[in-house]
Amino acid sequence: MLPRLLLPVPACALFALAQPGPLPPHEALTYSIEWRLITAGKVHLEWHQERTGWLLGVHVESVGLVSKFFRVADDYRAALDPSLCTETAQLTSQEGNRQRDTRITYDGAHHTASYLERDAARNTVLSQHEIEIPSCVHDVIGGLYFLRTLNLEPGQSITIPVSDGKKSAMAKVEAQQREDMKTPAGTFHTVRYEAYVFNNVLYKRPAHLNFWLTDDRRRLPVQIRVRMQFTIGTITLQLEKNE
């Protein structure tokens, strides 16, 4: 049998794909990070609905043997408007001896994103610039929540605007196939997707990004996998807890 064609969905059809109200007003998800067959860290993701939009927070921390050699403690916060367009983002990171504080302001009305990265230990500016963006753009994690509001069937694809404050791009996302996925949180019926943000789209690094959403109205992200070059390997996030 020939593989099913990936059919692009025009922007006007997104209204038909959207399912009103699928996102929970509050969600707390905990993931384990597996790298080279060992548990390398934990990710805690929180999602809140506010009167003026949405707030998301992510805490990433290394554990075990990895933490002894290279400690990672990252905190990411983003504010989204009611349409899930990103308004602000902040990343505070401690990775080994490096400490960084990054702030991004997305101004859709003026089509600009302002990026400021500081060395927190030395209190110096490392990078500061402004780029052009569309009137609505998603950070990568906010984009995942946006995708959860759509009803993409395997064989369909869409293109969405994404930005990390350093670059803005139109990233293609494919719904590939249905799969049963077993994680520490249980076994789920899912749809596997691939998001094309690497390979010089948003990020220069060559890699593949896949994620698995439950095949129901929740569209819960139960697994996320980044496959990089052999020297780095594959990083897999699996859902441990849903609160």
Protein backbone atom coordinates (compact mmCIF):
# COMPACT_ATOMS: atom_id res chain seq x y z
CA MET A 1 0.00 0.00 0.00
CA LEU A 2 1.32 3.45 -0.88
CA PRO A 3 1.87 5.78 2.11
CA ARG A 4 -0.90 8.28 2.61
CA LEU A 5 -0.07 11.72 1.30
CA LEU A 6 0.48 14.51 3.82
CA LEU A 7 -2.17 17.03 2.91
CA PRO A 8 -1.46 20.68 3.78
CA VAL A 9 -4.32 22.43 5.57
CA PRO A 10 -4.93 26.01 4.38
CA ALA A 11 -5.09 28.73 7.03
CA CYS A 12 -8.82 29.28 6.41
CA ALA A 13 -9.49 25.66 7.37
CA LEU A 14 -7.96 26.04 10.84
CA PHE A 15 -11.31 27.30 12.12
CA ALA A 16 -12.87 23.99 11.13
CA LEU A 17 -10.05 22.05 12.80
CA ALA A 18 -10.23 23.96 16.08
CA GLN A 19 -12.16 22.35 18.90
CA PRO A 20 -13.54 25.02 21.29
CA GLY A 21 -12.41 24.70 24.87
CA PRO A 22 -10.17 21.59 24.78
CA LEU A 23 -7.44 23.15 26.91
CA PRO A 24 -7.86 22.73 30.67
CA PRO A 25 -7.93 25.84 32.88
CA HIS A 26 -5.13 24.27 34.91
CA GLU A 27 -2.73 21.45 34.15
CA ALA A 28 0.45 20.11 35.80
CA LEU A 29 2.47 17.52 33.88
CA THR A 30 5.65 15.78 35.04
CA TYR A 31 7.99 14.03 32.60
CA SER A 32 11.11 11.92 32.96
CA ILE A 33 14.00 12.64 30.59
CA GLU A 34 15.77 9.61 29.16
CA TRP A 35 19.14 10.02 27.45
CA ARG A 36 21.40 7.13 26.43
CA LEU A 37 19.24 4.62 28.37
CA ILE A 38 19.50 6.48 31.69
CA THR A 39 17.14 8.87 33.48
CA ALA A 40 18.90 12.20 33.00
CA GLY A 41 16.35 14.65 34.38
CA LYS A 42 12.81 15.73 35.16
CA VAL A 43 10.52 18.26 33.51
CA HIS A 44 7.58 19.86 35.28
CA LEU A 45 5.13 21.79 33.08
CA GLU A 46 2.36 23.99 34.50
CA TRP A 47 -0.46 25.61 32.55
CA HIS A 48 -2.93 28.19 33.91
CA GLN A 49 -5.79 30.15 32.45
CA GLU A 50 -5.81 33.79 33.53
CA ARG A 51 -8.35 36.55 33.04
CA THR A 52 -6.24 38.07 30.26
CA GLY A 53 -4.96 34.87 28.65
CA TRP A 54 -2.73 31.95 29.60
CA LEU A 55 0.44 31.37 31.60
CA LEU A 56 2.82 28.46 31.17
CA GLY A 57 5.85 27.48 33.21
CA VAL A 58 8.49 24.81 32.71
CA HIS A 59 11.12 23.65 35.18
CA VAL A 60 13.90 21.37 33.91
CA GLU A 61 16.34 19.76 36.31
CA SER A 62 19.06 17.17 35.84
CA VAL A 63 19.13 14.16 38.17
CA GLY A 64 21.40 11.26 39.11
CA LEU A 65 24.74 10.73 37.42
CA VAL A 66 24.16 13.46 34.84
CA SER A 67 23.58 16.04 37.56
CA LYS A 68 26.87 15.16 39.26
CA PHE A 69 28.85 15.94 36.10
CA PHE A 70 26.74 18.71 34.57
CA ARG A 71 23.98 20.25 36.68
CA VAL A 72 21.03 21.76 34.82
CA ALA A 73 18.32 23.89 36.45
CA ASP A 74 16.23 25.86 33.94
CA ASP A 75 13.02 27.82 34.49
CA TYR A 76 10.93 29.06 31.58
CA ARG A 77 7.84 31.28 31.82
CA ALA A 78 5.61 32.58 29.04
CA ALA A 79 2.43 34.64 28.85
CA LEU A 80 -0.01 34.02 25.98
CA ASP A 81 -3.04 36.01 24.91
CA PRO A 82 -6.51 34.38 24.65
CA SER A 83 -5.69 33.25 21.08
CA LEU A 84 -2.49 31.52 22.33
CA CYS A 85 -0.21 34.08 20.67
CA THR A 86 2.90 34.56 22.81
CA GLU A 87 3.32 37.97 24.45
CA THR A 88 6.35 37.54 26.73
CA ALA A 89 8.84 34.79 27.59
CA GLN A 90 11.62 34.51 30.15
CA LEU A 91 14.27 31.83 30.58
CA THR A 92 16.48 31.61 33.66
CA SER A 93 19.08 28.89 33.16
CA GLN A 94 21.92 27.37 35.11
CA GLU A 95 23.82 24.82 33.05
CA GLY A 96 27.15 23.80 34.56
CA ASN A 97 28.94 27.04 35.44
CA ARG A 98 26.91 29.08 33.00
CA GLN A 99 24.07 31.28 34.25
CA ARG A 100 21.84 33.09 31.76
CA ASP A 101 18.75 35.26 31.96
CA THR A 102 16.83 35.74 28.70
CA ARG A 103 13.75 37.93 28.19
CA ILE A 104 11.67 38.21 25.02
CA THR A 105 8.80 40.60 24.34
CA TYR A 106 6.56 39.82 21.37
CA ASP A 107 4.75 42.88 20.03
CA GLY A 108 2.26 41.63 17.46
CA ALA A 109 0.79 45.09 16.86
CA HIS A 110 4.19 46.39 15.70
CA HIS A 111 5.36 43.03 14.28
CA THR A 112 8.53 42.95 16.39
CA ALA A 113 10.15 40.72 19.00
CA SER A 114 12.71 42.22 21.37
CA TYR A 115 15.39 39.81 22.65
CA LEU A 116 17.71 40.42 25.62
CA GLU A 117 20.15 37.82 26.97
CA ARG A 118 22.31 38.52 30.03
CA ASP A 119 25.09 36.70 31.85
CA ALA A 120 23.49 36.51 35.30
CA ALA A 121 26.75 35.78 37.10
CA ARG A 122 28.66 38.71 35.57
CA ASN A 123 25.65 41.02 35.07
CA THR A 124 26.59 41.73 31.46
CA VAL A 125 24.56 41.84 28.26
CA LEU A 126 25.44 39.04 25.88
CA SER A 127 22.93 39.69 23.10
CA GLN A 128 20.28 42.29 22.40
CA HIS A 129 18.34 42.73 19.18
CA GLU A 130 14.94 43.06 17.55
CA ILE A 131 13.45 40.91 14.79
CA GLU A 132 10.35 41.05 12.63
CA ILE A 133 7.46 38.69 13.47
CA PRO A 134 3.88 38.12 12.27
CA SER A 135 0.99 39.63 14.22
CA CYS A 136 0.56 36.28 16.02
CA VAL A 137 3.49 34.01 16.77
CA HIS A 138 4.01 31.03 19.09
CA ASP A 139 6.95 30.09 21.24
CA VAL A 140 7.70 26.37 20.87
CA ILE A 141 5.88 25.24 24.04
CA GLY A 142 2.94 27.58 23.45
CA GLY A 143 2.82 26.20 19.91
CA LEU A 144 2.38 22.71 21.34
CA TYR A 145 -0.67 23.91 23.26
CA PHE A 146 -2.02 25.57 20.13
CA LEU A 147 -1.70 22.27 18.27
CA ARG A 148 -3.74 20.62 21.01
CA THR A 149 -6.70 22.78 19.98
CA LEU A 150 -6.66 21.35 16.45
CA ASN A 151 -8.10 18.13 15.10
CA LEU A 152 -5.37 17.06 12.68
CA GLU A 153 -5.91 13.59 11.26
CA PRO A 154 -2.97 11.38 10.20
CA GLY A 155 -2.04 12.41 6.68
CA GLN A 156 -2.66 16.12 7.28
CA SER A 157 -0.17 18.90 7.94
CA ILE A 158 -0.26 22.59 8.83
CA THR A 159 2.24 25.43 9.00
CA ILE A 160 2.34 27.72 12.04
CA PRO A 161 4.42 30.82 12.92
CA VAL A 162 7.02 30.17 15.65
CA SER A 163 9.79 32.24 17.19
CA ASP A 164 12.44 31.97 19.90
CA GLY A 165 13.14 35.71 19.85
CA LYS A 166 16.28 35.21 17.77
CA LYS A 167 14.52 34.01 14.65
CA SER A 168 10.98 33.76 13.30
CA ALA A 169 9.89 30.99 10.95
CA MET A 170 6.90 29.16 9.52
CA ALA A 171 7.20 25.61 10.84
CA LYS A 172 5.46 22.64 9.28
CA VAL A 173 3.78 20.09 11.54
CA GLU A 174 2.67 16.68 10.24
CA ALA A 175 0.18 14.31 11.81
CA GLN A 176 1.75 10.99 10.86
CA GLN A 177 0.04 7.94 12.32
CA ARG A 178 -1.87 6.46 15.26
CA GLU A 179 0.17 4.51 17.78
CA ASP A 180 -0.33 2.97 21.21
CA MET A 181 2.18 4.55 23.57
CA LYS A 182 3.24 3.13 26.94
CA THR A 183 4.66 5.57 29.50
CA PRO A 184 5.10 5.53 33.31
CA ALA A 185 1.68 7.26 33.49
CA GLY A 186 -0.04 4.42 31.60
CA THR A 187 -0.80 3.23 28.07
CA PHE A 188 -2.47 5.67 25.69
CA HIS A 189 -3.97 5.69 22.20
CA THR A 190 -2.05 8.48 20.48
CA VAL A 191 -1.31 10.26 17.22
CA ARG A 192 2.37 10.78 16.38
CA TYR A 193 3.36 14.18 14.97
CA GLU A 194 6.57 15.63 13.61
CA ALA A 195 7.40 19.32 13.96
CA TYR A 196 9.99 20.69 11.54
CA VAL A 197 11.75 23.32 13.68
CA PHE A 198 15.32 21.99 13.34
CA ASN A 199 17.58 21.73 10.27
CA ASN A 200 17.89 25.50 9.85
CA VAL A 201 14.15 26.23 10.12
CA LEU A 202 14.04 27.79 13.61
CA TYR A 203 17.16 26.06 14.98
CA LYS A 204 20.31 25.39 12.93
CA ARG A 205 21.07 22.06 14.60
CA PRO A 206 20.16 18.97 12.52
CA ALA A 207 17.53 16.97 14.42
CA HIS A 208 14.02 15.51 14.31
CA LEU A 209 11.28 16.44 16.76
CA ASN A 210 8.35 14.06 17.30
CA PHE A 211 5.58 14.24 19.86
CA TRP A 212 2.65 12.00 20.73
CA LEU A 213 -0.77 13.43 21.69
CA THR A 214 -3.58 11.29 23.03
CA ASP A 215 -6.21 10.49 20.41
CA ASP A 216 -9.08 12.13 22.30
CA ARG A 217 -10.31 15.62 23.14
CA ARG A 218 -7.59 16.13 25.75
CA ARG A 219 -4.76 15.71 23.21
CA LEU A 220 -2.46 15.18 26.17
CA PRO A 221 1.27 15.21 25.25
CA VAL A 222 2.47 11.87 26.62
CA GLN A 223 5.84 11.66 24.87
CA ILE A 224 8.26 14.09 23.20
CA ARG A 225 11.40 12.92 21.41
CA VAL A 226 14.32 14.81 19.87
CA ARG A 227 16.65 12.72 17.70
CA MET A 228 19.99 14.46 17.17
CA GLN A 229 23.29 13.43 15.64
CA PHE A 230 24.93 10.30 17.03
CA THR A 231 27.40 12.31 19.14
CA ILE A 232 24.49 13.73 21.15
CA GLY A 233 21.90 11.00 20.68
CA THR A 234 18.17 10.85 21.37
CA ILE A 235 16.40 12.67 24.21
CA THR A 236 12.97 11.33 25.19
CA LEU A 237 10.44 12.87 27.57
CA GLN A 238 7.77 10.50 28.89
CA LEU A 239 4.76 11.47 30.94
CA GLU A 240 4.98 10.32 34.57
CA LYS A 241 2.18 12.28 36.22
CA ASN A 242 -0.85 14.33 35.17
CA GLU A 243 -2.44 16.53 37.84
